[in-house]
C-alpha atoms as a PDB file:
ATOM      1  CA  MET A   1     -32.232 -36.381  -5.267  1.00  0.00           C
ATOM      2  CA  LYS A   2     -34.568 -33.375  -4.950  1.00  0.00           C
ATOM      3  CA  ARG A   3     -33.667 -33.045  -1.267  1.00  0.00           C
ATOM      4  CA  LYS A   4     -29.953 -33.023  -2.142  1.00  0.00           C
ATOM      5  CA  ASN A   5     -30.478 -30.326  -4.806  1.00  0.00           C
ATOM      6  CA  LEU A   6     -32.461 -28.208  -2.346  1.00  0.00           C
ATOM      7  CA  ILE A   7     -29.648 -28.437   0.208  1.00  0.00           C
ATOM      8  CA  ILE A   8     -27.046 -27.405  -2.399  1.00  0.00           C
ATOM      9  CA  CYS A   9     -29.186 -24.427  -3.511  1.00  0.00           C
ATOM     10  CA  ALA A  10     -29.669 -23.369   0.099  1.00  0.00           C
ATOM     11  CA  LEU A  11     -25.909 -23.500   0.720  1.00  0.00           C
ATOM     12  CA  LEU A  12     -25.203 -21.459  -2.428  1.00  0.00           C
ATOM     13  CA  LEU A  13     -27.725 -18.810  -1.403  1.00  0.00           C
ATOM     14  CA  PHE A  14     -26.187 -18.661   2.075  1.00  0.00           C
ATOM     15  CA  VAL A  15     -22.678 -18.176   0.671  1.00  0.00           C
ATOM     16  CA  MET A  16     -23.853 -15.471  -1.743  1.00  0.00           C
ATOM     17  CA  PHE A  17     -25.726 -13.647   1.022  1.00  0.00           C
ATOM     18  CA  SER A  18     -22.715 -13.843   3.338  1.00  0.00           C
ATOM     19  CA  CYS A  19     -20.405 -12.452   0.662  1.00  0.00           C
ATOM     20  CA  SER A  20     -22.749  -9.582  -0.093  1.00  0.00           C
ATOM     21  CA  ASN A  21     -22.865  -8.700   3.605  1.00  0.00           C
ATOM     22  CA  GLU A  22     -19.072  -8.722   3.793  1.00  0.00           C
ATOM     23  CA  ASN A  23     -18.920  -6.180   0.966  1.00  0.00           C
ATOM     24  CA  ASP A  24     -21.565  -3.900   2.506  1.00  0.00           C
ATOM     25  CA  ASP A  25     -18.897  -2.014   4.472  1.00  0.00           C
ATOM     26  CA  ARG A  26     -17.049  -0.984   1.294  1.00  0.00           C
ATOM     27  CA  GLU A  27     -18.017   1.919  -0.945  1.00  0.00           C
ATOM     28  CA  ARG A  28     -17.154   2.256  -4.629  1.00  0.00           C
ATOM     29  CA  HIS A  29     -16.147   5.697  -5.901  1.00  0.00           C
ATOM     30  CA  VAL A  30     -15.269   6.561  -9.499  1.00  0.00           C
ATOM     31  CA  MET A  31     -12.816   9.419  -9.929  1.00  0.00           C
ATOM     32  CA  LYS A  32     -12.847  11.873 -12.819  1.00  0.00           C
ATOM     33  CA  ASP A  33      -9.933  10.073 -14.440  1.00  0.00           C
ATOM     34  CA  GLY A  34     -12.029   6.900 -14.513  1.00  0.00           C
ATOM     35  CA  LYS A  35     -10.292   5.092 -11.660  1.00  0.00           C
ATOM     36  CA  ALA A  36     -12.538   3.134  -9.289  1.00  0.00           C
ATOM     37  CA  VAL A  37     -11.633   3.437  -5.603  1.00  0.00           C
ATOM     38  CA  TYR A  38     -13.007   1.269  -2.783  1.00  0.00           C
ATOM     39  CA  THR A  39     -13.093   2.668   0.751  1.00  0.00           C
ATOM     40  CA  GLY A  40     -14.730   2.009   4.066  1.00  0.00           C
ATOM     41  CA  VAL A  41     -17.900   3.874   5.020  1.00  0.00           C
ATOM     42  CA  ASP A  42     -16.334   6.017   7.745  1.00  0.00           C
ATOM     43  CA  VAL A  43     -14.420   9.254   7.171  1.00  0.00           C
ATOM     44  CA  ARG A  44     -11.243   9.466   9.243  1.00  0.00           C
ATOM     45  CA  PHE A  45     -10.218  12.823  10.708  1.00  0.00           C
ATOM     46  CA  TYR A  46      -6.535  13.664  11.175  1.00  0.00           C
ATOM     47  CA  GLY A  47      -6.106  16.657  13.439  1.00  0.00           C
ATOM     48  CA  ASP A  48      -2.319  16.821  13.093  1.00  0.00           C
ATOM     49  CA  LYS A  49       0.582  15.415  11.072  1.00  0.00           C
ATOM     50  CA  ASP A  50       1.552  12.838  13.697  1.00  0.00           C
ATOM     51  CA  ALA A  51      -1.927  11.318  13.659  1.00  0.00           C
ATOM     52  CA  PHE A  52      -1.816  11.041   9.862  1.00  0.00           C
ATOM     53  CA  ARG A  53       1.682   9.590   9.899  1.00  0.00           C
ATOM     54  CA  GLY A  54       0.733   7.026  12.522  1.00  0.00           C
ATOM     55  CA  ALA A  55       4.355   6.062  13.164  1.00  0.00           C
ATOM     56  CA  VAL A  56       6.880   6.384  15.974  1.00  0.00           C
ATOM     57  CA  LEU A  57      10.384   7.853  15.677  1.00  0.00           C
ATOM     58  CA  GLU A  58      12.424   5.359  17.672  1.00  0.00           C
ATOM     59  CA  ASN A  59      15.874   6.963  17.812  1.00  0.00           C
ATOM     60  CA  THR A  60      16.848   9.833  20.094  1.00  0.00           C
ATOM     61  CA  GLU A  61      20.643   9.488  20.039  1.00  0.00           C
ATOM     62  CA  ARG A  62      22.789   9.458  16.905  1.00  0.00           C
ATOM     63  CA  ARG A  63      25.303   6.677  16.339  1.00  0.00           C
ATOM     64  CA  ASP A  64      27.864   6.016  13.628  1.00  0.00           C
ATOM     65  CA  SER A  65      27.630   2.245  13.439  1.00  0.00           C
ATOM     66  CA  VAL A  66      25.845  -0.887  14.594  1.00  0.00           C
ATOM     67  CA  ASP A  67      26.694  -1.812  18.177  1.00  0.00           C
ATOM     68  CA  ASP A  68      29.064  -4.737  17.693  1.00  0.00           C
ATOM     69  CA  GLU A  69      32.731  -5.399  16.848  1.00  0.00           C
ATOM     70  CA  LEU A  70      32.304  -5.466  13.079  1.00  0.00           C
ATOM     71  CA  LYS A  71      33.306  -2.532  10.901  1.00  0.00           C
ATOM     72  CA  TRP A  72      30.083  -1.108   9.491  1.00  0.00           C
ATOM     73  CA  GLU A  73      29.946   1.581   6.819  1.00  0.00           C
ATOM     74  CA  LYS A  74      27.087   4.044   6.470  1.00  0.00           C
ATOM     75  CA  ASP A  75      25.496   4.570   3.063  1.00  0.00           C
ATOM     76  CA  SER A  76      22.208   5.627   1.490  1.00  0.00           C
ATOM     77  CA  LEU A  77      20.196   5.346  -1.721  1.00  0.00           C
ATOM     78  CA  TYR A  78      17.394   7.491  -3.129  1.00  0.00           C
ATOM     79  CA  GLY A  79      14.147   6.849  -4.963  1.00  0.00           C
ATOM     80  CA  TYR A  80      12.680   3.440  -5.705  1.00  0.00           C
ATOM     81  CA  ASP A  81      13.152   0.679  -8.249  1.00  0.00           C
ATOM     82  CA  GLY A  82      10.950  -2.173  -7.122  1.00  0.00           C
ATOM     83  CA  GLY A  83       7.591  -0.696  -8.035  1.00  0.00           C
ATOM     84  CA  ILE A  84       4.697   0.956  -6.209  1.00  0.00           C
ATOM     85  CA  GLU A  85       1.741  -1.047  -4.907  1.00  0.00           C
ATOM     86  CA  THR A  86      -1.499   0.489  -3.629  1.00  0.00           C
ATOM     87  CA  VAL A  87      -2.530  -1.519  -0.572  1.00  0.00           C
ATOM     88  CA  ASP A  88      -5.460   0.466   0.823  1.00  0.00           C
ATOM     89  CA  TRP A  89      -7.827   3.416   0.346  1.00  0.00           C
ATOM     90  CA  GLU A  90      -9.627   5.578   2.885  1.00  0.00           C
ATOM     91  CA  LYS A  91     -11.788   8.695   3.058  1.00  0.00           C
ATOM     92  CA  ALA A  92     -10.220  11.420   5.179  1.00  0.00           C
ATOM     93  CA  GLU A  93     -10.540  14.980   6.402  1.00  0.00           C
ATOM     94  CA  PHE A  94      -7.767  17.052   7.937  1.00  0.00           C
ATOM     95  CA  GLY A  95      -7.187  19.812  10.468  1.00  0.00           C
ATOM     96  CA  PRO A  96      -5.729  23.278   9.719  1.00  0.00           C
ATOM     97  CA  TRP A  97      -2.219  21.817   9.338  1.00  0.00           C
ATOM     98  CA  ILE A  98      -3.085  20.482   5.872  1.00  0.00           C
ATOM     99  CA  SER A  99      -3.151  24.057   4.538  1.00  0.00           C
ATOM    100  CA  GLY A 100       0.638  23.882   4.484  1.00  0.00           C
ATOM    101  CA  TYR A 101       0.320  21.291   1.724  1.00  0.00           C
ATOM    102  CA  GLY A 102      -1.989  23.460  -0.377  1.00  0.00           C
ATOM    103  CA  LEU A 103      -5.134  21.573   0.634  1.00  0.00           C
ATOM    104  CA  SER A 104      -8.301  22.633   2.468  1.00  0.00           C
ATOM    105  CA  PRO A 105      -9.091  21.702   6.090  1.00  0.00           C
ATOM    106  CA  ASP A 106     -12.329  19.804   6.703  1.00  0.00           C
ATOM    107  CA  LYS A 107     -12.672  18.966   3.004  1.00  0.00           C
ATOM    108  CA  LEU A 108     -13.078  15.333   1.982  1.00  0.00           C
ATOM    109  CA  TYR A 109     -10.146  13.565   0.318  1.00  0.00           C
ATOM    110  CA  PHE A 110      -9.384  10.046  -0.872  1.00  0.00           C
ATOM    111  CA  VAL A 111      -6.105   8.751   0.557  1.00  0.00           C
ATOM    112  CA  SER A 112      -4.125   5.759  -0.700  1.00  0.00           C
ATOM    113  CA  THR A 113      -1.502   3.810   1.224  1.00  0.00           C
ATOM    114  CA  LEU A 114       1.446   2.857  -0.987  1.00  0.00           C
ATOM    115  CA  LYS A 115       3.981   0.068  -0.534  1.00  0.00           C
ATOM    116  CA  ILE A 116       7.313   1.004  -2.094  1.00  0.00           C
ATOM    117  CA  SER A 117      10.508  -0.998  -2.430  1.00  0.00           C
ATOM    118  CA  LYS A 118      14.173  -0.308  -3.103  1.00  0.00           C
ATOM    119  CA  ARG A 119      16.943  -2.741  -3.971  1.00  0.00           C
ATOM    120  CA  ILE A 120      20.168  -2.467  -1.965  1.00  0.00           C
ATOM    121  CA  PRO A 121      22.966  -4.193  -3.927  1.00  0.00           C
ATOM    122  CA  ALA A 122      24.790  -6.874  -1.923  1.00  0.00           C
ATOM    123  CA  THR A 123      26.705 -10.120  -2.210  1.00  0.00           C
ATOM    124  CA  TYR A 124      26.757 -13.221  -0.040  1.00  0.00           C
ATOM    125  CA  GLU A 125      29.647 -11.625   1.849  1.00  0.00           C
ATOM    126  CA  ASP A 126      27.635  -8.529   2.789  1.00  0.00           C
ATOM    127  CA  TRP A 127      25.475  -7.905   5.816  1.00  0.00           C
ATOM    128  CA  VAL A 128      23.081  -4.972   5.661  1.00  0.00           C
ATOM    129  CA  ALA A 129      21.150  -3.327   8.497  1.00  0.00           C
ATOM    130  CA  PRO A 130      18.600  -0.480   8.320  1.00  0.00           C
ATOM    131  CA  GLY A 131      19.984   2.951   9.127  1.00  0.00           C
ATOM    132  CA  GLU A 132      18.618   5.405  11.652  1.00  0.00           C
ATOM    133  CA  TYR A 133      16.362   8.404  11.204  1.00  0.00           C
ATOM    134  CA  PHE A 134      16.100  11.451  13.432  1.00  0.00           C
ATOM    135  CA  LYS A 135      13.988  14.591  13.761  1.00  0.00           C
ATOM    136  CA  ASN A 136      15.928  16.367  11.017  1.00  0.00           C
ATOM    137  CA  ASP A 137      15.321  13.639   8.411  1.00  0.00           C
ATOM    138  CA  GLU A 138      12.303  11.649   9.618  1.00  0.00           C
ATOM    139  CA  ASP A 139      10.288  12.932   6.656  1.00  0.00           C
ATOM    140  CA  SER A 140      12.717  11.375   4.159  1.00  0.00           C
ATOM    141  CA  ILE A 141      11.389   7.837   4.633  1.00  0.00           C
ATOM    142  CA  GLY A 142       8.038   6.132   5.137  1.00  0.00           C
ATOM    143  CA  THR A 143       6.835   3.713   7.796  1.00  0.00           C
ATOM    144  CA  ASP A 144       7.621   0.084   8.542  1.00  0.00           C
ATOM    145  CA  ALA A 145       4.051  -1.247   8.563  1.00  0.00           C
ATOM    146  CA  ASP A 146       5.093  -4.285  10.615  1.00  0.00           C
ATOM    147  CA  THR A 147       6.305  -2.193  13.567  1.00  0.00           C
ATOM    148  CA  ASP A 148       4.587   1.206  12.990  1.00  0.00           C
ATOM    149  CA  LYS A 149       7.996   2.845  13.305  1.00  0.00           C
ATOM    150  CA  ILE A 150       9.557   5.387  10.970  1.00  0.00           C
ATOM    151  CA  GLY A 151      11.923   3.545   8.653  1.00  0.00           C
ATOM    152  CA  PHE A 152      11.752   0.474   6.421  1.00  0.00           C
ATOM    153  CA  ARG A 153      11.605  -3.304   6.533  1.00  0.00           C
ATOM    154  CA  LEU A 154      14.572  -5.214   5.140  1.00  0.00           C
ATOM    155  CA  ASP A 155      14.260  -8.584   3.420  1.00  0.00           C
ATOM    156  CA  THR A 156      17.479 -10.449   4.191  1.00  0.00           C
ATOM    157  CA  ASN A 157      17.127 -12.887   1.271  1.00  0.00           C
ATOM    158  CA  ILE A 158      19.994 -11.957  -1.048  1.00  0.00           C
ATOM    159  CA  SER A 159      19.636 -14.822  -3.521  1.00  0.00           C
ATOM    160  CA  ARG A 160      18.905 -12.232  -6.241  1.00  0.00           C
ATOM    161  CA  GLY A 161      22.008 -10.157  -5.570  1.00  0.00           C
ATOM    162  CA  TYR A 162      20.346  -7.494  -3.449  1.00  0.00           C
ATOM    163  CA  TYR A 163      18.469  -6.860  -0.246  1.00  0.00           C
ATOM    164  CA  GLU A 164      14.931  -5.576  -0.772  1.00  0.00           C
ATOM    165  CA  ALA A 165      13.911  -2.678   1.458  1.00  0.00           C
ATOM    166  CA  VAL A 166      10.201  -1.873   1.808  1.00  0.00           C
ATOM    167  CA  THR A 167       8.450   1.162   3.270  1.00  0.00           C
ATOM    168  CA  TRP A 168       4.899   2.526   3.272  1.00  0.00           C
ATOM    169  CA  ILE A 169       3.833   6.114   2.527  1.00  0.00           C
ATOM    170  CA  LYS A 170       0.485   7.835   1.964  1.00  0.00           C
ATOM    171  CA  CYS A 171      -0.819   9.801  -0.985  1.00  0.00           C
ATOM    172  CA  ILE A 172      -3.743  12.219  -0.821  1.00  0.00           C
ATOM    173  CA  SER A 173      -4.763  11.153  -4.302  1.00  0.00           C
ATOM    174  CA  TYR A 174      -8.138  12.800  -4.996  1.00  0.00           C
ATOM    175  CA  ASP A 175     -10.460  15.379  -3.508  1.00  0.00           C
ATOM    176  CA  GLY A 176     -14.086  14.651  -2.714  1.00  0.00           C
ATOM    177  CA  GLU A 177     -15.177  15.625  -6.240  1.00  0.00           C
ATOM    178  CA  GLY A 178     -12.799  13.129  -7.812  1.00  0.00           C
ATOM    179  CA  ASN A 179     -10.183  15.636  -8.986  1.00  0.00           C
ATOM    180  CA  THR A 180      -6.568  14.443  -8.951  1.00  0.00           C
ATOM    181  CA  VAL A 181      -4.511  15.906  -6.090  1.00  0.00           C
ATOM    182  CA  ASP A 182      -1.484  13.588  -5.627  1.00  0.00           C
ATOM    183  CA  VAL A 183       0.080  15.039  -2.481  1.00  0.00           C
ATOM    184  CA  TYR A 184       2.507  12.496  -1.006  1.00  0.00           C
ATOM    185  CA  PHE A 185       3.175  12.175   2.705  1.00  0.00           C
ATOM    186  CA  PRO A 186       5.708  12.371   4.184  1.00  0.00           C
ATOM    187  CA  VAL A 187       7.693  12.326   0.926  1.00  0.00           C
ATOM    188  CA  SER A 188       7.233  11.392  -2.733  1.00  0.00           C
ATOM    189  CA  PRO A 189       8.592   8.014  -3.919  1.00  0.00           C
ATOM    190  CA  GLU A 190      11.310   9.691  -5.997  1.00  0.00           C
ATOM    191  CA  LYS A 191      12.717  11.491  -2.922  1.00  0.00           C
ATOM    192  CA  LEU A 192      12.771   8.587  -0.479  1.00  0.00           C
ATOM    193  CA  LYS A 193      16.127   8.254   1.303  1.00  0.00           C
ATOM    194  CA  TRP A 194      17.084   4.731   2.296  1.00  0.00           C
ATOM    195  CA  LYS A 195      19.801   4.859   4.975  1.00  0.00           C
ATOM    196  CA  TYR A 196      21.630   1.672   5.854  1.00  0.00           C
ATOM    197  CA  PHE A 197      24.759   0.115   7.339  1.00  0.00           C
ATOM    198  CA  LYS A 198      26.819  -2.481   5.478  1.00  0.00           C
ATOM    199  CA  THR A 199      29.676  -4.762   6.532  1.00  0.00           C
ATOM    200  CA  LYS A 200      31.468  -7.896   5.393  1.00  0.00           C
ATOM    201  CA  ALA A 201      30.287 -11.134   7.012  1.00  0.00           C
ATOM    202  CA  ILE A 202      32.706 -13.154   9.100  1.00  0.00           C
ATOM    203  CA  TRP A 203      32.196 -16.884   8.623  1.00  0.00           C
END
């Protein structure tokens, strides 16, 4: 019985030690507003906007519809209505380009990655496809985190009466002293532009 208890204690100590080692690469920071933020140890440096965006603009030629025989209509919605979820935090410094956003180069900032959703109304007769973004409007939408392309991911489950579109943006939330900054990149949630095509399904 004693041998069994010793084995159980040893296993518990091993699990606790392993868990503590897993958390060693995360730092806890408390901001001046009381919010606790957890980041990695390293500070990431973004020398230009493209590096910070970390996404690819796929389209080079403009089109008016999806390439098939159906009649697709272009439309768009603004803002968000499905909530905002913080999915990650990081410590970052930036090159001279960040001065254009009213921030200081080479100063430490805490950056959050936000997952934002928008509901596109639809019925069982509707098909919806993501729209296209170009150089003139690439900053009006976030990034599809699944493909690392500028745009959004579309959930095709319409059982709730809408398609759910999801995109990811970044927010330079605090400076190194814990002061609130809240500079969104490339656009604030309220100004997101969700471009899409819609058509009637043919069964």
